Amino acid sequence: MRERWRNSGAGPRTRLRLLAGLLVTVYAVAALAGCDSAASSAGRQVIAGGASTGIYYAYSSGFAEQLRVAGFDIVAEETGGSVDNLMRVGSGDALLGFAQADTAADAVAGVGAFHAKIPIAAVARVYDEYVQLVVPASSAVRQLSDLPGLRVSVGEKHSGVTVIADRVLLAGGVREGTFTRRELGIDDSIAALERGEIDAFFWVGGVPTPGIESLSERVALRMIPIGPETVERMDLGRAGVYRVSALPLGAYDTSGTVETMMVPNYLVTSTQASEHLVFEVTKALFESRAELSRTVPAVALLDPRQAIFTSPVPLHPGAEKYYVQNRNNP
């Protein structure tokens, strides 16, 4: 290069201008490449979803598809639920994961199902989930106190459903050992209830949850109420994570409203994920709302004014940057 420049006839100033132009071009190309490579530089990424018939997986699959359109190399994977998702995100096995707020709070504190603090940060509070205690409409069960002596699925092991089910039962005065405990995921719980192998099952998710909605078309169902006294006992020391609510009128073709409780649901990532990458993920999350909500109704609940409230899980700096830049957008 030096010999070619020496013999080119160009003066020192000309050579400096040429060199400066070359450097500008190189940096511009690198910057443009950086925009496209942020999503794929680490290879194929994963969104930790949940059971195939739950809203986590439906949301994850739809969002992964939208991210691929935006240039990400990413897929959704079935998992055991909130605890499993948080473990995967914390270990780097997944870029993103959905988790209940109470379980995520346990993860950042290193308590409950977590033996150490998990390095997670929030992308958004995406929607609120309902605690659903499902029985056949023909069941004699009318309240929590009717469960002793029966076969009850409390959710898959290492799932957020199990965390909440155990807390509901404790707060409702149903002692461990007074019922037959089954630890089944949503798919297996649905199948077991339909076959008459269990009498009731817990689920925590958006309404309608696809698997339960499908079951209600084959089997008449009823939802068992979880009263405000139980919710208030559960929320002691948990800073308002659990809130008194009611299942939407007519959910799963049931009649009347049913008292229950709600818990926020977060989309989380690792604290080690880059600011630029998480900014782009957050941007895609909101830009895909209209498209995704056509197949996953819970997506319509995503609201940038509420998405920032993820305490005690800190917002990731990339997500925070997105919200600051778009604070005037609905």
Protein backbone atom coordinates (compact mmCIF):
# COMPACT_ATOMS: atom_id res chain seq x y z
CA MET A 1 0.00 0.00 0.00
CA ARG A 2 2.80 2.40 0.93
CA GLU A 3 4.65 1.75 -2.37
CA ARG A 4 1.49 2.23 -4.42
CA TRP A 5 0.73 5.55 -2.74
CA ARG A 6 4.32 6.74 -3.14
CA ASN A 7 4.17 6.15 -6.90
CA SER A 8 0.63 7.38 -7.47
CA GLY A 9 1.61 11.01 -7.90
CA ALA A 10 -0.76 12.14 -5.12
CA GLY A 11 0.53 14.78 -2.71
CA PRO A 12 0.49 14.44 1.10
CA ARG A 13 -2.75 16.42 1.47
CA THR A 14 -4.47 14.36 -1.20
CA ARG A 15 -3.34 11.14 0.46
CA LEU A 16 -4.68 12.37 3.85
CA ARG A 17 -8.04 13.19 2.30
CA LEU A 18 -8.19 9.76 0.68
CA LEU A 19 -7.29 8.07 3.97
CA ALA A 20 -9.91 10.06 5.88
CA GLY A 21 -12.56 9.14 3.32
CA LEU A 22 -11.58 5.49 3.54
CA LEU A 23 -11.85 5.52 7.36
CA VAL A 24 -15.26 7.21 7.24
CA THR A 25 -16.49 4.55 4.83
CA VAL A 26 -15.15 1.72 6.99
CA TYR A 27 -16.79 3.12 10.14
CA ALA A 28 -20.08 3.72 8.34
CA VAL A 29 -20.20 0.16 7.07
CA ALA A 30 -19.34 -1.16 10.53
CA ALA A 31 -22.07 0.94 12.12
CA LEU A 32 -24.66 -0.28 9.64
CA ALA A 33 -23.55 -3.86 10.13
CA GLY A 34 -23.83 -3.38 13.88
CA CYS A 35 -27.52 -2.51 13.57
CA ASP A 36 -28.21 -5.77 11.76
CA SER A 37 -25.83 -7.98 13.72
CA ALA A 38 -26.99 -7.06 17.22
CA ALA A 39 -29.76 -9.60 16.89
CA SER A 40 -27.65 -12.40 15.49
CA SER A 41 -24.07 -11.93 16.69
CA ALA A 42 -24.54 -14.41 19.51
CA GLY A 43 -26.08 -17.06 17.23
CA ARG A 44 -29.58 -18.43 17.58
CA GLN A 45 -31.42 -17.01 20.57
CA VAL A 46 -34.30 -18.46 22.57
CA ILE A 47 -37.48 -17.13 24.16
CA ALA A 48 -38.35 -19.33 27.14
CA GLY A 49 -42.10 -19.80 26.84
CA GLY A 50 -44.16 -22.40 28.68
CA ALA A 51 -46.51 -25.28 27.99
CA SER A 52 -47.74 -25.54 24.40
CA THR A 53 -51.38 -24.80 25.33
CA GLY A 54 -50.62 -21.81 27.56
CA ILE A 55 -50.47 -18.10 26.77
CA TYR A 56 -46.72 -17.90 27.51
CA TYR A 57 -45.98 -20.19 24.58
CA ALA A 58 -48.52 -18.55 22.27
CA TYR A 59 -47.05 -15.12 23.09
CA SER A 60 -43.47 -16.41 22.77
CA SER A 61 -44.09 -18.09 19.42
CA GLY A 62 -45.81 -15.06 17.94
CA PHE A 63 -43.19 -12.65 19.24
CA ALA A 64 -40.34 -14.86 18.00
CA GLU A 65 -41.90 -14.76 14.55
CA GLN A 66 -42.07 -10.96 14.65
CA LEU A 67 -38.45 -10.77 15.84
CA ARG A 68 -37.32 -12.99 12.96
CA VAL A 69 -38.98 -10.57 10.54
CA ALA A 70 -36.92 -7.82 12.22
CA GLY A 71 -33.71 -9.78 11.59
CA PHE A 72 -33.29 -11.79 14.79
CA ASP A 73 -32.31 -15.45 14.72
CA ILE A 74 -34.62 -16.57 17.51
CA VAL A 75 -37.09 -19.34 18.38
CA ALA A 76 -39.59 -20.02 21.16
CA GLU A 77 -39.16 -23.11 23.31
CA GLU A 78 -41.58 -25.00 25.52
CA THR A 79 -40.60 -24.89 29.20
CA GLY A 80 -41.90 -25.70 32.65
CA GLY A 81 -43.01 -22.11 33.32
CA SER A 82 -41.84 -19.12 35.34
CA VAL A 83 -39.16 -20.73 37.53
CA ASP A 84 -37.74 -22.66 34.58
CA ASN A 85 -37.81 -19.54 32.39
CA LEU A 86 -35.98 -17.43 34.96
CA MET A 87 -33.32 -20.10 35.41
CA ARG A 88 -32.78 -20.28 31.65
CA VAL A 89 -32.51 -16.51 31.26
CA GLY A 90 -30.18 -16.21 34.25
CA SER A 91 -27.88 -18.94 32.94
CA GLY A 92 -27.79 -17.55 29.41
CA ASP A 93 -29.72 -20.46 27.89
CA ALA A 94 -32.45 -18.02 26.83
CA LEU A 95 -32.34 -14.37 25.83
CA LEU A 96 -35.92 -13.72 26.95
CA GLY A 97 -38.50 -15.36 29.16
CA PHE A 98 -41.94 -14.76 30.62
CA ALA A 99 -42.40 -14.92 34.38
CA GLN A 100 -44.90 -14.05 37.08
CA ALA A 101 -43.98 -11.02 39.17
CA ASP A 102 -43.92 -12.92 42.47
CA THR A 103 -41.59 -15.58 41.09
CA ALA A 104 -39.38 -12.95 39.45
CA ALA A 105 -39.19 -11.13 42.79
CA ASP A 106 -38.03 -14.36 44.43
CA ALA A 107 -35.41 -14.75 41.68
CA VAL A 108 -33.78 -11.34 42.19
CA ALA A 109 -33.79 -11.89 45.97
CA GLY A 110 -32.50 -15.47 45.75
CA VAL A 111 -35.31 -16.93 47.87
CA GLY A 112 -38.09 -19.48 47.45
CA ALA A 113 -37.29 -21.79 44.55
CA PHE A 114 -33.96 -19.99 43.96
CA HIS A 115 -30.86 -20.80 45.99
CA ALA A 116 -29.01 -17.71 44.76
CA LYS A 117 -29.86 -14.35 43.20
CA ILE A 118 -30.63 -14.66 39.48
CA PRO A 119 -29.17 -11.87 37.27
CA ILE A 120 -32.35 -10.80 35.47
CA ALA A 121 -33.78 -7.45 34.40
CA ALA A 122 -37.21 -6.59 33.06
CA VAL A 123 -38.07 -5.67 29.50
CA ALA A 124 -41.72 -4.95 30.25
CA ARG A 125 -44.72 -5.68 32.38
CA VAL A 126 -46.77 -7.29 29.65
CA TYR A 127 -50.13 -8.30 31.12
CA ASP A 128 -51.79 -9.47 34.32
CA GLU A 129 -52.50 -13.14 34.95
CA TYR A 130 -55.45 -14.69 36.74
CA VAL A 131 -55.25 -17.53 39.24
CA GLN A 132 -57.64 -20.19 37.97
CA LEU A 133 -58.81 -23.17 40.04
CA VAL A 134 -60.66 -25.43 37.62
CA VAL A 135 -63.16 -28.23 38.36
CA PRO A 136 -65.84 -29.99 36.29
CA ALA A 137 -69.20 -28.22 36.52
CA SER A 138 -70.62 -31.39 38.11
CA SER A 139 -68.09 -31.27 40.99
CA ALA A 140 -69.25 -30.85 44.58
CA VAL A 141 -66.30 -28.49 45.19
CA ARG A 142 -67.50 -24.94 45.82
CA GLN A 143 -64.63 -23.39 47.77
CA LEU A 144 -61.02 -24.01 48.81
CA SER A 145 -62.07 -25.74 52.02
CA ASP A 146 -63.71 -28.50 49.94
CA LEU A 147 -60.36 -29.69 48.51
CA PRO A 148 -59.15 -31.97 51.37
CA GLY A 149 -59.49 -35.61 50.39
CA LEU A 150 -59.39 -34.82 46.66
CA ARG A 151 -56.78 -35.14 43.90
CA VAL A 152 -55.44 -31.68 43.07
CA SER A 153 -52.83 -30.68 40.49
CA VAL A 154 -50.81 -27.71 41.75
CA GLY A 155 -48.90 -27.18 38.51
CA GLU A 156 -45.68 -28.51 37.07
CA LYS A 157 -42.69 -28.77 39.38
CA HIS A 158 -40.44 -25.68 39.19
CA SER A 159 -43.26 -23.56 37.77
CA GLY A 160 -44.75 -20.29 38.96
CA VAL A 161 -48.12 -22.04 39.13
CA THR A 162 -46.85 -24.29 41.91
CA VAL A 163 -45.47 -21.30 43.81
CA ILE A 164 -48.86 -19.57 43.77
CA ALA A 165 -50.95 -22.72 44.29
CA ASP A 166 -49.01 -23.57 47.45
CA ARG A 167 -49.47 -20.03 48.75
CA VAL A 168 -53.20 -20.02 47.95
CA LEU A 169 -53.72 -23.33 49.74
CA LEU A 170 -51.74 -22.20 52.78
CA ALA A 171 -53.58 -18.87 52.99
CA GLY A 172 -56.89 -20.65 52.44
CA GLY A 173 -56.29 -23.04 55.33
CA VAL A 174 -55.81 -26.19 53.23
CA ARG A 175 -52.89 -28.01 54.83
CA GLU A 176 -50.35 -30.08 52.92
CA GLY A 177 -51.14 -33.78 53.30
CA THR A 178 -54.91 -33.31 53.50
CA PHE A 179 -55.27 -33.75 49.72
CA THR A 180 -53.56 -35.88 47.08
CA ARG A 181 -50.97 -33.62 45.50
CA ARG A 182 -50.26 -33.95 41.78
CA GLU A 183 -47.61 -31.85 40.02
CA LEU A 184 -48.80 -31.64 36.43
CA GLY A 185 -48.27 -29.00 33.78
CA ILE A 186 -51.26 -27.40 32.11
CA ASP A 187 -51.40 -29.92 29.24
CA ASP A 188 -51.30 -32.92 31.57
CA SER A 189 -53.72 -31.29 34.04
CA ILE A 190 -56.27 -30.74 31.28
CA ALA A 191 -55.93 -34.34 30.08
CA ALA A 192 -56.11 -35.74 33.61
CA LEU A 193 -59.24 -33.75 34.50
CA GLU A 194 -60.93 -34.86 31.29
CA ARG A 195 -60.11 -38.51 32.06
CA GLY A 196 -61.31 -38.18 35.65
CA GLU A 197 -57.84 -38.81 37.10
CA ILE A 198 -57.82 -35.57 39.12
CA ASP A 199 -60.61 -33.56 40.71
CA ALA A 200 -59.22 -30.04 40.31
CA PHE A 201 -56.22 -28.17 38.97
CA PHE A 202 -54.57 -24.79 39.44
CA TRP A 203 -53.47 -22.60 36.59
CA VAL A 204 -52.08 -19.07 36.46
CA GLY A 205 -52.37 -17.33 33.13
CA GLY A 206 -54.22 -14.93 30.90
CA VAL A 207 -57.87 -15.40 30.05
CA PRO A 208 -58.75 -17.19 27.95
CA THR A 209 -55.94 -19.72 28.20
CA PRO A 210 -56.15 -21.70 24.92
CA GLY A 211 -55.96 -25.17 26.49
CA ILE A 212 -58.67 -24.46 29.08
CA GLU A 213 -60.85 -22.79 26.46
CA SER A 214 -60.56 -25.91 24.31
CA LEU A 215 -61.38 -28.14 27.30
CA SER A 216 -64.49 -26.07 28.08
CA GLU A 217 -65.84 -26.95 24.63
CA ARG A 218 -65.71 -30.65 25.54
CA VAL A 219 -66.37 -30.59 29.29
CA ALA A 220 -68.55 -28.17 31.26
CA LEU A 221 -66.26 -26.37 33.72
CA ARG A 222 -66.58 -24.25 36.82
CA MET A 223 -64.06 -21.93 38.47
CA ILE A 224 -63.60 -22.03 42.25
CA PRO A 225 -63.47 -18.56 43.86
CA ILE A 226 -60.42 -17.31 45.74
CA GLY A 227 -61.77 -14.73 48.15
CA PRO A 228 -60.26 -11.37 49.11
CA GLU A 229 -59.35 -12.59 52.62
CA THR A 230 -57.14 -15.30 51.10
CA VAL A 231 -55.53 -12.81 48.71
CA GLU A 232 -54.83 -10.33 51.50
CA ARG A 233 -53.16 -13.02 53.61
CA MET A 234 -51.02 -14.03 50.64
CA ASP A 235 -49.96 -10.46 49.96
CA LEU A 236 -48.66 -9.78 53.47
CA GLY A 237 -45.00 -8.81 53.11
CA ARG A 238 -45.14 -8.95 49.30
CA ALA A 239 -45.77 -5.25 48.56
CA GLY A 240 -48.94 -5.54 46.51
CA VAL A 241 -47.80 -8.26 44.11
CA TYR A 242 -51.15 -10.03 44.52
CA ARG A 243 -54.39 -8.15 43.89
CA VAL A 244 -58.05 -9.00 44.38
CA SER A 245 -59.80 -9.40 41.05
CA ALA A 246 -62.47 -11.38 39.22
CA LEU A 247 -62.41 -13.59 36.17
CA PRO A 248 -63.92 -11.83 33.16
CA LEU A 249 -67.65 -12.41 32.81
CA GLY A 250 -68.38 -15.50 30.73
CA ALA A 251 -64.80 -16.81 30.73
CA TYR A 252 -64.83 -20.39 29.43
CA ASP A 253 -68.64 -20.22 29.14
CA THR A 254 -69.02 -20.10 32.92
CA SER A 255 -71.92 -18.11 34.36
CA GLY A 256 -71.44 -15.02 36.51
CA THR A 257 -68.25 -13.49 37.85
CA VAL A 258 -65.80 -15.45 39.98
CA GLU A 259 -63.62 -13.85 42.66
CA THR A 260 -59.93 -14.57 42.22
CA MET A 261 -56.58 -12.81 42.26
CA MET A 262 -54.25 -11.31 39.72
CA VAL A 263 -50.48 -11.22 39.48
CA PRO A 264 -48.50 -9.15 36.94
CA ASN A 265 -46.49 -10.93 34.30
CA TYR A 266 -43.09 -9.72 33.07
CA LEU A 267 -40.93 -10.28 30.03
CA VAL A 268 -37.37 -10.55 31.36
CA THR A 269 -33.84 -10.78 30.02
CA SER A 270 -30.36 -11.16 31.47
CA THR A 271 -28.58 -8.23 33.09
CA GLN A 272 -25.69 -9.16 30.76
CA ALA A 273 -27.70 -8.57 27.57
CA SER A 274 -26.47 -5.52 25.65
CA GLU A 275 -28.32 -2.22 25.86
CA HIS A 276 -28.68 -1.99 22.09
CA LEU A 277 -30.03 -5.53 21.78
CA VAL A 278 -32.65 -5.05 24.50
CA PHE A 279 -33.64 -1.67 23.04
CA GLU A 280 -34.36 -3.37 19.71
CA VAL A 281 -36.28 -6.18 21.45
CA THR A 282 -38.41 -3.65 23.34
CA LYS A 283 -39.05 -1.69 20.17
CA ALA A 284 -40.17 -4.85 18.36
CA LEU A 285 -42.39 -5.81 21.30
CA PHE A 286 -44.45 -2.64 20.97
CA GLU A 287 -44.36 -2.40 17.19
CA SER A 288 -45.77 -5.94 16.89
CA ARG A 289 -48.74 -5.34 19.25
CA ALA A 290 -51.40 -4.97 16.57
CA GLU A 291 -50.28 -8.02 14.62
CA LEU A 292 -49.81 -10.27 17.64
CA SER A 293 -53.07 -9.34 19.36
CA ARG A 294 -55.01 -10.90 16.49
CA THR A 295 -54.00 -14.35 17.67
CA VAL A 296 -53.02 -13.70 21.31
CA PRO A 297 -55.64 -11.43 22.94
CA ALA A 298 -53.42 -10.78 26.00
CA VAL A 299 -51.03 -8.82 23.78
CA ALA A 300 -53.63 -6.06 23.48
CA LEU A 301 -53.08 -5.35 27.19
CA LEU A 302 -49.47 -4.28 26.62
CA ASP A 303 -49.32 -0.59 27.58
CA PRO A 304 -46.11 1.49 27.63
CA ARG A 305 -47.53 3.55 30.52
CA GLN A 306 -47.80 0.39 32.65
CA ALA A 307 -44.91 -1.60 31.17
CA ILE A 308 -42.31 0.27 33.25
CA PHE A 309 -43.76 -0.86 36.59
CA THR A 310 -41.74 -4.02 37.21
CA SER A 311 -40.59 -3.53 40.81
CA PRO A 312 -38.73 -5.19 42.46
CA VAL A 313 -37.19 -6.39 39.18
CA PRO A 314 -35.16 -3.49 37.70
CA LEU A 315 -35.78 -2.38 34.14
CA HIS A 316 -32.94 -3.27 31.79
CA PRO A 317 -31.09 -0.10 30.62
CA GLY A 318 -31.98 -0.93 27.00
CA ALA A 319 -35.68 -1.12 27.83
CA GLU A 320 -35.47 2.03 29.94
CA LYS A 321 -33.86 3.87 27.03
CA TYR A 322 -36.75 2.83 24.78
CA TYR A 323 -39.38 4.08 27.24
CA VAL A 324 -37.60 7.41 27.71
CA GLN A 325 -37.34 7.98 23.96
CA ASN A 326 -40.98 7.01 23.39
CA ARG A 327 -42.58 8.46 26.51
CA ASN A 328 -44.98 10.59 24.46
CA ASN A 329 -46.15 7.69 22.28
CA PRO A 330 -49.31 5.76 23.23
